[in-house]
């Protein structure tokens, strides 16, 4: 099956902490944080990963979501397109008065 080996966002803290079984994460950032690096590593080298939804949020909205789609390619026939077998969502929210993340 398609799973992640790791999911990090720089020094920002995932809530809940990373686990291959978790499918929804939240990350709080300070309003002054202009970028959040997203790093995903598949548990298996045959897994395809596609990240969608990193559009810039509208001014004043304060949050953006990234959806990480995964598929285990070990069973694909030649020229067969993957059907995403698992997805993980990360919602990044800018929160006022956050002293530490």
C-alpha atoms as a PDB file:
ATOM      1  CA  UNK A   1       0.000   0.000   0.000  1.00  0.00           C
ATOM      2  CA  UNK A   2       1.001   3.604  -0.468  1.00  0.00           C
ATOM      3  CA  UNK A   3       2.262   5.232   2.712  1.00  0.00           C
ATOM      4  CA  UNK A   4       4.529   8.058   3.747  1.00  0.00           C
ATOM      5  CA  UNK A   5       7.829   7.453   5.496  1.00  0.00           C
ATOM      6  CA  UNK A   6       8.031  11.074   6.616  1.00  0.00           C
ATOM      7  CA  UNK A   7       6.185  14.369   6.359  1.00  0.00           C
ATOM      8  CA  UNK A   8       7.843  17.558   7.556  1.00  0.00           C
ATOM      9  CA  UNK A   9       7.235  21.261   7.190  1.00  0.00           C
ATOM     10  CA  UNK A  10      10.624  22.688   8.110  1.00  0.00           C
ATOM     11  CA  UNK A  11      10.697  23.545  11.821  1.00  0.00           C
ATOM     12  CA  UNK A  12       6.902  23.828  12.026  1.00  0.00           C
ATOM     13  CA  UNK A  13       5.004  21.375  14.234  1.00  0.00           C
ATOM     14  CA  UNK A  14       2.453  18.966  12.785  1.00  0.00           C
ATOM     15  CA  UNK A  15      -0.706  18.385  14.806  1.00  0.00           C
ATOM     16  CA  UNK A  16      -1.048  15.490  15.386  1.00  0.00           C
ATOM     17  CA  UNK A  17       2.618  14.390  15.165  1.00  0.00           C
ATOM     18  CA  UNK A  18       3.502  12.454  12.018  1.00  0.00           C
ATOM     19  CA  UNK A  19       2.322   8.865  11.790  1.00  0.00           C
ATOM     20  CA  UNK A  20       1.871   6.841   8.568  1.00  0.00           C
ATOM     21  CA  UNK A  21      -1.725   6.117   9.642  1.00  0.00           C
ATOM     22  CA  UNK A  22      -2.833   9.756  10.044  1.00  0.00           C
ATOM     23  CA  UNK A  23      -4.597  11.387   7.085  1.00  0.00           C
ATOM     24  CA  UNK A  24      -5.287  14.947   8.319  1.00  0.00           C
ATOM     25  CA  UNK A  25      -2.801  17.386   9.831  1.00  0.00           C
ATOM     26  CA  UNK A  26      -2.918  20.982  11.025  1.00  0.00           C
ATOM     27  CA  UNK A  27       0.012  23.393  11.184  1.00  0.00           C
ATOM     28  CA  UNK A  28      -0.081  26.797  12.869  1.00  0.00           C
ATOM     29  CA  UNK A  29       2.274  29.511  11.665  1.00  0.00           C
ATOM     30  CA  UNK A  30       2.853  33.101  12.740  1.00  0.00           C
ATOM     31  CA  UNK A  31       1.475  35.787  10.416  1.00  0.00           C
ATOM     32  CA  UNK A  32       5.059  36.860   9.704  1.00  0.00           C
ATOM     33  CA  UNK A  33       5.966  33.403   8.300  1.00  0.00           C
ATOM     34  CA  UNK A  34       5.878  33.868   4.548  1.00  0.00           C
ATOM     35  CA  UNK A  35       6.937  30.369   3.448  1.00  0.00           C
ATOM     36  CA  UNK A  36       6.456  26.864   4.802  1.00  0.00           C
ATOM     37  CA  UNK A  37       8.603  24.118   3.243  1.00  0.00           C
ATOM     38  CA  UNK A  38       6.757  20.851   2.610  1.00  0.00           C
ATOM     39  CA  UNK A  39       8.835  17.661   2.424  1.00  0.00           C
ATOM     40  CA  UNK A  40       7.251  14.244   1.836  1.00  0.00           C
ATOM     41  CA  UNK A  41       9.039  10.910   1.503  1.00  0.00           C
ATOM     42  CA  UNK A  42       7.299   7.726   0.388  1.00  0.00           C
ATOM     43  CA  UNK A  43       7.732   4.552   2.448  1.00  0.00           C
ATOM     44  CA  UNK A  44       8.333   2.585  -0.749  1.00  0.00           C
ATOM     45  CA  UNK A  45      10.318   3.643  -3.819  1.00  0.00           C
ATOM     46  CA  UNK A  46       7.525   2.371  -6.094  1.00  0.00           C
ATOM     47  CA  UNK A  47       5.025   4.884  -4.666  1.00  0.00           C
ATOM     48  CA  UNK A  48       4.102   7.933  -6.726  1.00  0.00           C
ATOM     49  CA  UNK A  49       3.408  11.170  -4.852  1.00  0.00           C
ATOM     50  CA  UNK A  50       1.586  14.215  -6.205  1.00  0.00           C
ATOM     51  CA  UNK A  51       0.947  17.348  -4.111  1.00  0.00           C
ATOM     52  CA  UNK A  52      -2.058  19.516  -5.008  1.00  0.00           C
ATOM     53  CA  UNK A  53      -3.638  22.654  -3.608  1.00  0.00           C
ATOM     54  CA  UNK A  54      -0.722  24.896  -2.704  1.00  0.00           C
ATOM     55  CA  UNK A  55      -2.393  27.957  -4.199  1.00  0.00           C
ATOM     56  CA  UNK A  56      -1.837  31.219  -2.392  1.00  0.00           C
ATOM     57  CA  UNK A  57      -4.712  31.990  -0.021  1.00  0.00           C
ATOM     58  CA  UNK A  58      -6.833  35.044  -0.581  1.00  0.00           C
ATOM     59  CA  UNK A  59      -5.769  37.986   1.541  1.00  0.00           C
ATOM     60  CA  UNK A  60      -7.394  37.746   4.953  1.00  0.00           C
ATOM     61  CA  UNK A  61      -8.290  34.065   4.750  1.00  0.00           C
ATOM     62  CA  UNK A  62      -5.191  32.902   6.592  1.00  0.00           C
ATOM     63  CA  UNK A  63      -5.094  29.227   5.622  1.00  0.00           C
ATOM     64  CA  UNK A  64      -4.110  26.984   2.725  1.00  0.00           C
ATOM     65  CA  UNK A  65      -4.364  23.220   2.284  1.00  0.00           C
ATOM     66  CA  UNK A  66      -2.098  20.778   0.501  1.00  0.00           C
ATOM     67  CA  UNK A  67      -3.384  17.347  -0.496  1.00  0.00           C
ATOM     68  CA  UNK A  68      -0.775  14.629  -0.913  1.00  0.00           C
ATOM     69  CA  UNK A  69      -1.975  11.810  -3.195  1.00  0.00           C
ATOM     70  CA  UNK A  70      -0.166   8.455  -3.192  1.00  0.00           C
ATOM     71  CA  UNK A  71      -0.285   5.318  -5.295  1.00  0.00           C
ATOM     72  CA  UNK A  72       1.664   2.066  -5.134  1.00  0.00           C
ATOM     73  CA  UNK A  73       2.988   1.605  -8.687  1.00  0.00           C
ATOM     74  CA  UNK A  74       4.272  -1.926  -8.164  1.00  0.00           C
ATOM     75  CA  UNK A  75       1.040  -3.414  -9.578  1.00  0.00           C
ATOM     76  CA  UNK A  76       0.604  -1.098 -12.589  1.00  0.00           C
ATOM     77  CA  UNK A  77       0.592  -2.576 -16.062  1.00  0.00           C
ATOM     78  CA  UNK A  78       2.623  -0.818 -18.748  1.00  0.00           C
ATOM     79  CA  UNK A  79       0.932   2.456 -19.862  1.00  0.00           C
ATOM     80  CA  UNK A  80      -1.644   2.196 -17.041  1.00  0.00           C
ATOM     81  CA  UNK A  81      -2.348   5.457 -15.217  1.00  0.00           C
ATOM     82  CA  UNK A  82      -2.288   5.343 -11.407  1.00  0.00           C
ATOM     83  CA  UNK A  83      -5.492   5.607  -9.414  1.00  0.00           C
ATOM     84  CA  UNK A  84      -4.688   7.412  -6.190  1.00  0.00           C
ATOM     85  CA  UNK A  85      -5.039   4.898  -3.380  1.00  0.00           C
ATOM     86  CA  UNK A  86      -4.428   7.188  -0.394  1.00  0.00           C
ATOM     87  CA  UNK A  87      -4.458  10.902   0.365  1.00  0.00           C
ATOM     88  CA  UNK A  88      -3.140  13.012   3.228  1.00  0.00           C
ATOM     89  CA  UNK A  89      -4.264  16.612   3.839  1.00  0.00           C
ATOM     90  CA  UNK A  90      -2.159  19.286   5.525  1.00  0.00           C
ATOM     91  CA  UNK A  91      -3.918  22.542   6.443  1.00  0.00           C
ATOM     92  CA  UNK A  92      -1.585  25.445   7.221  1.00  0.00           C
ATOM     93  CA  UNK A  93      -3.193  28.256   9.212  1.00  0.00           C
ATOM     94  CA  UNK A  94      -1.791  31.651  10.113  1.00  0.00           C
ATOM     95  CA  UNK A  95      -2.721  32.282  13.734  1.00  0.00           C
ATOM     96  CA  UNK A  96      -2.400  35.612  15.509  1.00  0.00           C
ATOM     97  CA  UNK A  97      -0.461  35.752  18.766  1.00  0.00           C
ATOM     98  CA  UNK A  98       1.355  32.461  18.262  1.00  0.00           C
ATOM     99  CA  UNK A  99       4.570  32.821  20.275  1.00  0.00           C
ATOM    100  CA  UNK A 100       6.065  29.455  19.418  1.00  0.00           C
ATOM    101  CA  UNK A 101       5.270  26.827  16.873  1.00  0.00           C
END
